[in-house]
Amino acid sequence: MSLVQEWWVWALAGILMLALEVFAPGFLFLGFSIGAGFVSALIAVGFLGGSLPVLILVFAIVSLLAWYGLRQVFGVRKNQIKIWDTDINED
C-alpha cells in the first residue's frame, strides 16, 4: 500500500490546506480541504482504497462540489465595488 493511499496522509493534507486558507482570501483552499477530508474519511471507513487515479478523481469531484457550494452560500457580495463621484480634496 502506497503512502498516498493512507487515510492520515489525506487528513494531514486537509489540515494543511485549512492553515493555508488563513492566508488566501475567497475560500480558495477550503474546498480542497473539504475534498481531502472527504477522501480521508472514505479511506478510513473502507469505502475507498483503490488506485491513485480513483483517489484523485474523487478528491477533484468533491473539491469542485465543495467550492461550488461555498460559492453559493457565501457568494460574491453585492455592491462590493464603490464608485466615488467626488474627490475628498475638492471644495
PDB file of N, CA and C in Angstrom:
ATOM      1  N   MET A   1       0.843  -1.178   0.000  1.00  0.00           N
ATOM      2  CA  MET A   1       0.000   0.000   0.000  1.00  0.00           C
ATOM      3  C   MET A   1       0.886   1.239   0.000  1.00  0.00           C
ATOM      4  N   SER A   2       0.615   2.109  -0.903  1.00  0.00           N
ATOM      5  CA  SER A   2       1.422   3.313  -1.021  1.00  0.00           C
ATOM      6  C   SER A   2       1.019   4.336   0.042  1.00  0.00           C
ATOM      7  N   LEU A   3       1.889   5.285   0.282  1.00  0.00           N
ATOM      8  CA  LEU A   3       1.654   6.293   1.314  1.00  0.00           C
ATOM      9  C   LEU A   3       0.453   7.174   0.976  1.00  0.00           C
ATOM     10  N   VAL A   4       0.199   7.388  -0.301  1.00  0.00           N
ATOM     11  CA  VAL A   4      -0.915   8.234  -0.723  1.00  0.00           C
ATOM     12  C   VAL A   4      -2.259   7.553  -0.463  1.00  0.00           C
ATOM     13  N   GLN A   5      -2.261   6.258  -0.263  1.00  0.00           N
ATOM     14  CA  GLN A   5      -3.496   5.531  -0.001  1.00  0.00           C
ATOM     15  C   GLN A   5      -3.798   5.411   1.487  1.00  0.00           C
ATOM     16  N   GLU A   6      -3.022   6.069   2.313  1.00  0.00           N
ATOM     17  CA  GLU A   6      -3.263   6.081   3.760  1.00  0.00           C
ATOM     18  C   GLU A   6      -4.218   7.224   4.102  1.00  0.00           C
ATOM     19  N   TRP A   7      -5.141   6.971   5.023  1.00  0.00           N
ATOM     20  CA  TRP A   7      -6.150   7.979   5.361  1.00  0.00           C
ATOM     21  C   TRP A   7      -5.534   9.186   6.056  1.00  0.00           C
ATOM     22  N   TRP A   8      -4.495   8.956   6.878  1.00  0.00           N
ATOM     23  CA  TRP A   8      -3.932  10.062   7.644  1.00  0.00           C
ATOM     24  C   TRP A   8      -3.160  11.040   6.764  1.00  0.00           C
ATOM     25  N   VAL A   9      -2.675  10.578   5.609  1.00  0.00           N
ATOM     26  CA  VAL A   9      -1.986  11.488   4.688  1.00  0.00           C
ATOM     27  C   VAL A   9      -2.990  12.487   4.105  1.00  0.00           C
ATOM     28  N   TRP A  10      -4.169  11.992   3.736  1.00  0.00           N
ATOM     29  CA  TRP A  10      -5.213  12.871   3.220  1.00  0.00           C
ATOM     30  C   TRP A  10      -5.723  13.812   4.308  1.00  0.00           C
ATOM     31  N   ALA A  11      -5.841  13.321   5.543  1.00  0.00           N
ATOM     32  CA  ALA A  11      -6.278  14.162   6.654  1.00  0.00           C
ATOM     33  C   ALA A  11      -5.254  15.261   6.929  1.00  0.00           C
ATOM     34  N   LEU A  12      -3.983  14.910   6.894  1.00  0.00           N
ATOM     35  CA  LEU A  12      -2.931  15.906   7.095  1.00  0.00           C
ATOM     36  C   LEU A  12      -2.937  16.946   5.976  1.00  0.00           C
ATOM     37  N   ALA A  13      -3.150  16.508   4.749  1.00  0.00           N
ATOM     38  CA  ALA A  13      -3.238  17.450   3.628  1.00  0.00           C
ATOM     39  C   ALA A  13      -4.425  18.394   3.813  1.00  0.00           C
ATOM     40  N   GLY A  14      -5.554  17.865   4.289  1.00  0.00           N
ATOM     41  CA  GLY A  14      -6.717  18.713   4.546  1.00  0.00           C
ATOM     42  C   GLY A  14      -6.448  19.742   5.625  1.00  0.00           C
ATOM     43  N   ILE A  15      -5.751  19.345   6.678  1.00  0.00           N
ATOM     44  CA  ILE A  15      -5.424  20.275   7.759  1.00  0.00           C
ATOM     45  C   ILE A  15      -4.449  21.342   7.271  1.00  0.00           C
ATOM     46  N   LEU A  16      -3.480  20.945   6.478  1.00  0.00           N
ATOM     47  CA  LEU A  16      -2.533  21.924   5.935  1.00  0.00           C
ATOM     48  C   LEU A  16      -3.227  22.928   5.012  1.00  0.00           C
ATOM     49  N   MET A  17      -4.198  22.451   4.247  1.00  0.00           N
ATOM     50  CA  MET A  17      -4.930  23.369   3.376  1.00  0.00           C
ATOM     51  C   MET A  17      -5.836  24.294   4.182  1.00  0.00           C
ATOM     52  N   LEU A  18      -6.332  23.827   5.317  1.00  0.00           N
ATOM     53  CA  LEU A  18      -7.075  24.724   6.206  1.00  0.00           C
ATOM     54  C   LEU A  18      -6.167  25.832   6.733  1.00  0.00           C
ATOM     55  N   ALA A  19      -4.922  25.485   7.043  1.00  0.00           N
ATOM     56  CA  ALA A  19      -3.972  26.502   7.500  1.00  0.00           C
ATOM     57  C   ALA A  19      -3.651  27.489   6.380  1.00  0.00           C
ATOM     58  N   LEU A  20      -3.548  27.005   5.149  1.00  0.00           N
ATOM     59  CA  LEU A  20      -3.294  27.899   4.020  1.00  0.00           C
ATOM     60  C   LEU A  20      -4.474  28.828   3.754  1.00  0.00           C
ATOM     61  N   GLU A  21      -5.670  28.391   4.106  1.00  0.00           N
ATOM     62  CA  GLU A  21      -6.865  29.202   3.877  1.00  0.00           C
ATOM     63  C   GLU A  21      -6.820  30.501   4.673  1.00  0.00           C
ATOM     64  N   VAL A  22      -6.101  30.491   5.784  1.00  0.00           N
ATOM     65  CA  VAL A  22      -5.971  31.693   6.591  1.00  0.00           C
ATOM     66  C   VAL A  22      -5.279  32.805   5.799  1.00  0.00           C
ATOM     67  N   PHE A  23      -4.358  32.432   4.938  1.00  0.00           N
ATOM     68  CA  PHE A  23      -3.569  33.404   4.194  1.00  0.00           C
ATOM     69  C   PHE A  23      -4.129  33.724   2.818  1.00  0.00           C
ATOM     70  N   ALA A  24      -5.076  32.946   2.320  1.00  0.00           N
ATOM     71  CA  ALA A  24      -5.624  33.162   0.980  1.00  0.00           C
ATOM     72  C   ALA A  24      -7.105  33.544   1.098  1.00  0.00           C
ATOM     73  N   PRO A  25      -7.503  34.633   0.476  1.00  0.00           N
ATOM     74  CA  PRO A  25      -8.902  35.048   0.567  1.00  0.00           C
ATOM     75  C   PRO A  25      -9.783  34.275  -0.414  1.00  0.00           C
ATOM     76  N   GLY A  26     -11.059  34.263  -0.151  1.00  0.00           N
ATOM     77  CA  GLY A  26     -12.017  33.771  -1.122  1.00  0.00           C
ATOM     78  C   GLY A  26     -12.292  32.284  -1.090  1.00  0.00           C
ATOM     79  N   PHE A  27     -12.065  31.615   0.026  1.00  0.00           N
ATOM     80  CA  PHE A  27     -12.360  30.192   0.163  1.00  0.00           C
ATOM     81  C   PHE A  27     -11.649  29.356  -0.895  1.00  0.00           C
ATOM     82  N   LEU A  28     -10.438  29.719  -1.218  1.00  0.00           N
ATOM     83  CA  LEU A  28      -9.691  29.022  -2.257  1.00  0.00           C
ATOM     84  C   LEU A  28      -9.284  27.620  -1.798  1.00  0.00           C
ATOM     85  N   PHE A  29      -8.668  27.519  -0.643  1.00  0.00           N
ATOM     86  CA  PHE A  29      -8.176  26.224  -0.168  1.00  0.00           C
ATOM     87  C   PHE A  29      -9.207  25.471   0.660  1.00  0.00           C
ATOM     88  N   LEU A  30     -10.304  26.117   1.034  1.00  0.00           N
ATOM     89  CA  LEU A  30     -11.306  25.453   1.859  1.00  0.00           C
ATOM     90  C   LEU A  30     -12.001  24.324   1.099  1.00  0.00           C
ATOM     91  N   GLY A  31     -12.274  24.534  -0.174  1.00  0.00           N
ATOM     92  CA  GLY A  31     -12.875  23.471  -0.979  1.00  0.00           C
ATOM     93  C   GLY A  31     -11.943  22.285  -1.129  1.00  0.00           C
ATOM     94  N   PHE A  32     -10.662  22.560  -1.328  1.00  0.00           N
ATOM     95  CA  PHE A  32      -9.681  21.477  -1.411  1.00  0.00           C
ATOM     96  C   PHE A  32      -9.566  20.743  -0.077  1.00  0.00           C
ATOM     97  N   SER A  33      -9.639  21.473   1.008  1.00  0.00           N
ATOM     98  CA  SER A  33      -9.555  20.863   2.331  1.00  0.00           C
ATOM     99  C   SER A  33     -10.753  19.954   2.595  1.00  0.00           C
ATOM    100  N   ILE A  34     -11.932  20.386   2.180  1.00  0.00           N
ATOM    101  CA  ILE A  34     -13.121  19.555   2.328  1.00  0.00           C
ATOM    102  C   ILE A  34     -12.987  18.289   1.481  1.00  0.00           C
ATOM    103  N   GLY A  35     -12.459  18.429   0.272  1.00  0.00           N
ATOM    104  CA  GLY A  35     -12.240  17.266  -0.591  1.00  0.00           C
ATOM    105  C   GLY A  35     -11.264  16.277   0.011  1.00  0.00           C
ATOM    106  N   ALA A  36     -10.165  16.781   0.573  1.00  0.00           N
ATOM    107  CA  ALA A  36      -9.174  15.894   1.192  1.00  0.00           C
ATOM    108  C   ALA A  36      -9.746  15.227   2.437  1.00  0.00           C
ATOM    109  N   GLY A  37     -10.529  15.958   3.204  1.00  0.00           N
ATOM    110  CA  GLY A  37     -11.160  15.375   4.387  1.00  0.00           C
ATOM    111  C   GLY A  37     -12.156  14.290   4.016  1.00  0.00           C
ATOM    112  N   PHE A  38     -12.893  14.505   2.945  1.00  0.00           N
ATOM    113  CA  PHE A  38     -13.866  13.520   2.491  1.00  0.00           C
ATOM    114  C   PHE A  38     -13.167  12.241   2.022  1.00  0.00           C
ATOM    115  N   VAL A  39     -12.103  12.398   1.253  1.00  0.00           N
ATOM    116  CA  VAL A  39     -11.340  11.227   0.795  1.00  0.00           C
ATOM    117  C   VAL A  39     -10.723  10.504   1.991  1.00  0.00           C
ATOM    118  N   SER A  40     -10.225  11.271   2.960  1.00  0.00           N
ATOM    119  CA  SER A  40      -9.661  10.665   4.162  1.00  0.00           C
ATOM    120  C   SER A  40     -10.707   9.843   4.908  1.00  0.00           C
ATOM    121  N   ALA A  41     -11.914  10.380   5.033  1.00  0.00           N
ATOM    122  CA  ALA A  41     -12.985   9.651   5.726  1.00  0.00           C
ATOM    123  C   ALA A  41     -13.380   8.388   4.958  1.00  0.00           C
ATOM    124  N   LEU A  42     -13.447   8.480   3.634  1.00  0.00           N
ATOM    125  CA  LEU A  42     -13.808   7.305   2.839  1.00  0.00           C
ATOM    126  C   LEU A  42     -12.752   6.203   2.943  1.00  0.00           C
ATOM    127  N   ILE A  43     -11.489   6.596   2.976  1.00  0.00           N
ATOM    128  CA  ILE A  43     -10.424   5.599   3.117  1.00  0.00           C
ATOM    129  C   ILE A  43     -10.465   4.984   4.515  1.00  0.00           C
ATOM    130  N   ALA A  44     -10.686   5.804   5.539  1.00  0.00           N
ATOM    131  CA  ALA A  44     -10.703   5.303   6.915  1.00  0.00           C
ATOM    132  C   ALA A  44     -11.854   4.333   7.154  1.00  0.00           C
ATOM    133  N   VAL A  45     -13.008   4.605   6.544  1.00  0.00           N
ATOM    134  CA  VAL A  45     -14.169   3.734   6.713  1.00  0.00           C
ATOM    135  C   VAL A  45     -14.010   2.463   5.891  1.00  0.00           C
ATOM    136  N   GLY A  46     -13.293   2.547   4.787  1.00  0.00           N
ATOM    137  CA  GLY A  46     -13.059   1.377   3.957  1.00  0.00           C
ATOM    138  C   GLY A  46     -13.809   1.389   2.644  1.00  0.00           C
ATOM    139  N   PHE A  47     -14.525   2.484   2.349  1.00  0.00           N
ATOM    140  CA  PHE A  47     -15.248   2.576   1.085  1.00  0.00           C
ATOM    141  C   PHE A  47     -14.322   2.829  -0.091  1.00  0.00           C
ATOM    142  N   LEU A  48     -13.193   3.441   0.179  1.00  0.00           N
ATOM    143  CA  LEU A  48     -12.292   3.824  -0.894  1.00  0.00           C
ATOM    144  C   LEU A  48     -10.892   3.392  -0.499  1.00  0.00           C
ATOM    145  N   GLY A  49     -10.256   2.658  -1.336  1.00  0.00           N
ATOM    146  CA  GLY A  49      -8.901   2.237  -1.052  1.00  0.00           C
ATOM    147  C   GLY A  49      -8.221   1.800  -2.320  1.00  0.00           C
ATOM    148  N   GLY A  50      -8.772   2.261  -3.414  1.00  0.00           N
ATOM    149  CA  GLY A  50      -8.302   1.825  -4.718  1.00  0.00           C
ATOM    150  C   GLY A  50      -7.022   2.507  -5.151  1.00  0.00           C
ATOM    151  N   SER A  51      -6.916   2.634  -6.422  1.00  0.00           N
ATOM    152  CA  SER A  51      -5.695   3.171  -7.009  1.00  0.00           C
ATOM    153  C   SER A  51      -5.647   4.692  -6.867  1.00  0.00           C
ATOM    154  N   LEU A  52      -4.489   5.237  -7.123  1.00  0.00           N
ATOM    155  CA  LEU A  52      -4.269   6.675  -7.015  1.00  0.00           C
ATOM    156  C   LEU A  52      -5.156   7.481  -7.960  1.00  0.00           C
ATOM    157  N   PRO A  53      -5.364   7.078  -9.212  1.00  0.00           N
ATOM    158  CA  PRO A  53      -6.253   7.868 -10.073  1.00  0.00           C
ATOM    159  C   PRO A  53      -7.689   7.953  -9.552  1.00  0.00           C
ATOM    160  N   VAL A  54      -8.170   6.896  -8.911  1.00  0.00           N
ATOM    161  CA  VAL A  54      -9.526   6.929  -8.340  1.00  0.00           C
ATOM    162  C   VAL A  54      -9.571   7.901  -7.168  1.00  0.00           C
ATOM    163  N   LEU A  55      -8.552   7.870  -6.329  1.00  0.00           N
ATOM    164  CA  LEU A  55      -8.493   8.797  -5.198  1.00  0.00           C
ATOM    165  C   LEU A  55      -8.456  10.246  -5.669  1.00  0.00           C
ATOM    166  N   ILE A  56      -7.656  10.515  -6.674  1.00  0.00           N
ATOM    167  CA  ILE A  56      -7.553  11.880  -7.188  1.00  0.00           C
ATOM    168  C   ILE A  56      -8.856  12.313  -7.850  1.00  0.00           C
ATOM    169  N   LEU A  57      -9.519  11.407  -8.535  1.00  0.00           N
ATOM    170  CA  LEU A  57     -10.797  11.740  -9.168  1.00  0.00           C
ATOM    171  C   LEU A  57     -11.855  12.082  -8.122  1.00  0.00           C
ATOM    172  N   VAL A  58     -11.952  11.277  -7.075  1.00  0.00           N
ATOM    173  CA  VAL A  58     -12.914  11.562  -6.007  1.00  0.00           C
ATOM    174  C   VAL A  58     -12.565  12.880  -5.322  1.00  0.00           C
ATOM    175  N   PHE A  59     -11.283  13.104  -5.073  1.00  0.00           N
ATOM    176  CA  PHE A  59     -10.837  14.360  -4.469  1.00  0.00           C
ATOM    177  C   PHE A  59     -11.210  15.551  -5.346  1.00  0.00           C
ATOM    178  N   ALA A  60     -11.004  15.448  -6.636  1.00  0.00           N
ATOM    179  CA  ALA A  60     -11.301  16.555  -7.545  1.00  0.00           C
ATOM    180  C   ALA A  60     -12.801  16.836  -7.612  1.00  0.00           C
ATOM    181  N   ILE A  61     -13.603  15.791  -7.688  1.00  0.00           N
ATOM    182  CA  ILE A  61     -15.057  15.978  -7.789  1.00  0.00           C
ATOM    183  C   ILE A  61     -15.610  16.585  -6.502  1.00  0.00           C
ATOM    184  N   VAL A  62     -15.196  16.051  -5.358  1.00  0.00           N
ATOM    185  CA  VAL A  62     -15.699  16.571  -4.079  1.00  0.00           C
ATOM    186  C   VAL A  62     -15.203  17.994  -3.848  1.00  0.00           C
ATOM    187  N   SER A  63     -13.970  18.287  -4.217  1.00  0.00           N
ATOM    188  CA  SER A  63     -13.445  19.643  -4.059  1.00  0.00           C
ATOM    189  C   SER A  63     -14.210  20.633  -4.922  1.00  0.00           C
ATOM    190  N   LEU A  64     -14.516  20.241  -6.146  1.00  0.00           N
ATOM    191  CA  LEU A  64     -15.281  21.120  -7.028  1.00  0.00           C
ATOM    192  C   LEU A  64     -16.682  21.360  -6.493  1.00  0.00           C
ATOM    193  N   LEU A  65     -17.336  20.314  -6.019  1.00  0.00           N
ATOM    194  CA  LEU A  65     -18.676  20.466  -5.446  1.00  0.00           C
ATOM    195  C   LEU A  65     -18.642  21.314  -4.175  1.00  0.00           C
ATOM    196  N   ALA A  66     -17.614  21.127  -3.360  1.00  0.00           N
ATOM    197  CA  ALA A  66     -17.484  21.930  -2.136  1.00  0.00           C
ATOM    198  C   ALA A  66     -17.251  23.394  -2.478  1.00  0.00           C
ATOM    199  N   TRP A  67     -16.389  23.662  -3.452  1.00  0.00           N
ATOM    200  CA  TRP A  67     -16.139  25.047  -3.859  1.00  0.00           C
ATOM    201  C   TRP A  67     -17.412  25.684  -4.403  1.00  0.00           C
ATOM    202  N   TYR A  68     -18.146  24.951  -5.218  1.00  0.00           N
ATOM    203  CA  TYR A  68     -19.390  25.468  -5.772  1.00  0.00           C
ATOM    204  C   TYR A  68     -20.414  25.719  -4.659  1.00  0.00           C
ATOM    205  N   GLY A  69     -20.498  24.817  -3.707  1.00  0.00           N
ATOM    206  CA  GLY A  69     -21.417  25.015  -2.581  1.00  0.00           C
ATOM    207  C   GLY A  69     -21.040  26.210  -1.738  1.00  0.00           C
ATOM    208  N   LEU A  70     -19.748  26.382  -1.475  1.00  0.00           N
ATOM    209  CA  LEU A  70     -19.294  27.554  -0.729  1.00  0.00           C
ATOM    210  C   LEU A  70     -19.579  28.836  -1.492  1.00  0.00           C
ATOM    211  N   ARG A  71     -19.422  28.783  -2.786  1.00  0.00           N
ATOM    212  CA  ARG A  71     -19.691  29.957  -3.623  1.00  0.00           C
ATOM    213  C   ARG A  71     -21.176  30.326  -3.587  1.00  0.00           C
ATOM    214  N   GLN A  72     -22.039  29.308  -3.554  1.00  0.00           N
ATOM    215  CA  GLN A  72     -23.476  29.561  -3.494  1.00  0.00           C
ATOM    216  C   GLN A  72     -23.883  30.101  -2.121  1.00  0.00           C
ATOM    217  N   VAL A  73     -23.287  29.589  -1.066  1.00  0.00           N
ATOM    218  CA  VAL A  73     -23.662  30.020   0.283  1.00  0.00           C
ATOM    219  C   VAL A  73     -23.105  31.400   0.587  1.00  0.00           C
ATOM    220  N   PHE A  74     -21.815  31.588   0.360  1.00  0.00           N
ATOM    221  CA  PHE A  74     -21.191  32.854   0.714  1.00  0.00           C
ATOM    222  C   PHE A  74     -21.179  33.833  -0.446  1.00  0.00           C
ATOM    223  N   GLY A  75     -20.986  33.338  -1.643  1.00  0.00           N
ATOM    224  CA  GLY A  75     -21.099  34.105  -2.875  1.00  0.00           C
ATOM    225  C   GLY A  75     -20.255  35.359  -2.958  1.00  0.00           C
ATOM    226  N   VAL A  76     -20.481  36.077  -4.027  1.00  0.00           N
ATOM    227  CA  VAL A  76     -19.847  37.373  -4.224  1.00  0.00           C
ATOM    228  C   VAL A  76     -20.778  38.407  -3.621  1.00  0.00           C
ATOM    229  N   ARG A  77     -20.233  39.268  -2.801  1.00  0.00           N
ATOM    230  CA  ARG A  77     -21.069  40.269  -2.152  1.00  0.00           C
ATOM    231  C   ARG A  77     -21.581  41.288  -3.156  1.00  0.00           C
ATOM    232  N   LYS A  78     -22.836  41.611  -3.044  1.00  0.00           N
ATOM    233  CA  LYS A  78     -23.446  42.616  -3.911  1.00  0.00           C
ATOM    234  C   LYS A  78     -22.936  44.000  -3.514  1.00  0.00           C
ATOM    235  N   ASN A  79     -22.827  44.866  -4.499  1.00  0.00           N
ATOM    236  CA  ASN A  79     -22.381  46.250  -4.279  1.00  0.00           C
ATOM    237  C   ASN A  79     -21.023  46.303  -3.593  1.00  0.00           C
ATOM    238  N   GLN A  80     -20.149  45.416  -3.964  1.00  0.00           N
ATOM    239  CA  GLN A  80     -18.839  45.359  -3.349  1.00  0.00           C
ATOM    240  C   GLN A  80     -17.921  46.473  -3.868  1.00  0.00           C
ATOM    241  N   ILE A  81     -18.162  46.919  -5.076  1.00  0.00           N
ATOM    242  CA  ILE A  81     -17.326  47.954  -5.665  1.00  0.00           C
ATOM    243  C   ILE A  81     -17.948  49.311  -5.397  1.00  0.00           C
ATOM    244  N   LYS A  82     -17.181  50.215  -4.840  1.00  0.00           N
ATOM    245  CA  LYS A  82     -17.652  51.557  -4.542  1.00  0.00           C
ATOM    246  C   LYS A  82     -17.089  52.508  -5.585  1.00  0.00           C
ATOM    247  N   ILE A  83     -17.974  53.254  -6.229  1.00  0.00           N
ATOM    248  CA  ILE A  83     -17.569  54.245  -7.219  1.00  0.00           C
ATOM    249  C   ILE A  83     -17.716  55.627  -6.594  1.00  0.00           C
ATOM    250  N   TRP A  84     -16.622  56.357  -6.571  1.00  0.00           N
ATOM    251  CA  TRP A  84     -16.627  57.693  -5.970  1.00  0.00           C
ATOM    252  C   TRP A  84     -16.909  58.729  -7.057  1.00  0.00           C
ATOM    253  N   ASP A  85     -17.853  59.632  -6.778  1.00  0.00           N
ATOM    254  CA  ASP A  85     -18.185  60.706  -7.703  1.00  0.00           C
ATOM    255  C   ASP A  85     -17.375  61.962  -7.437  1.00  0.00           C
ATOM    256  N   THR A  86     -16.971  62.148  -6.220  1.00  0.00           N
ATOM    257  CA  THR A  86     -16.221  63.367  -5.866  1.00  0.00           C
ATOM    258  C   THR A  86     -14.926  62.978  -5.186  1.00  0.00           C
ATOM    259  N   ASP A  87     -14.018  63.905  -5.212  1.00  0.00           N
ATOM    260  CA  ASP A  87     -12.731  63.722  -4.574  1.00  0.00           C
ATOM    261  C   ASP A  87     -12.777  64.419  -3.218  1.00  0.00           C
ATOM    262  N   ILE A  88     -12.085  63.866  -2.226  1.00  0.00           N
ATOM    263  CA  ILE A  88     -12.118  64.481  -0.894  1.00  0.00           C
ATOM    264  C   ILE A  88     -11.353  65.803  -0.868  1.00  0.00           C
ATOM    265  N   ASN A  89     -10.535  66.041  -1.876  1.00  0.00           N
ATOM    266  CA  ASN A  89      -9.764  67.278  -1.931  1.00  0.00           C
ATOM    267  C   ASN A  89     -10.483  68.394  -2.660  1.00  0.00           C
ATOM    268  N   GLU A  90     -11.631  68.124  -3.230  1.00  0.00           N
ATOM    269  CA  GLU A  90     -12.384  69.154  -3.922  1.00  0.00           C
ATOM    270  C   GLU A  90     -13.145  70.000  -2.910  1.00  0.00           C
ATOM    271  N   ASP A  91     -13.312  71.270  -3.250  1.00  0.00           N
ATOM    272  CA  ASP A  91     -14.050  72.169  -2.361  1.00  0.00           C
ATOM    273  C   ASP A  91     -15.480  72.279  -2.749  1.00  0.00           C
TER     274      ASP A  91
END
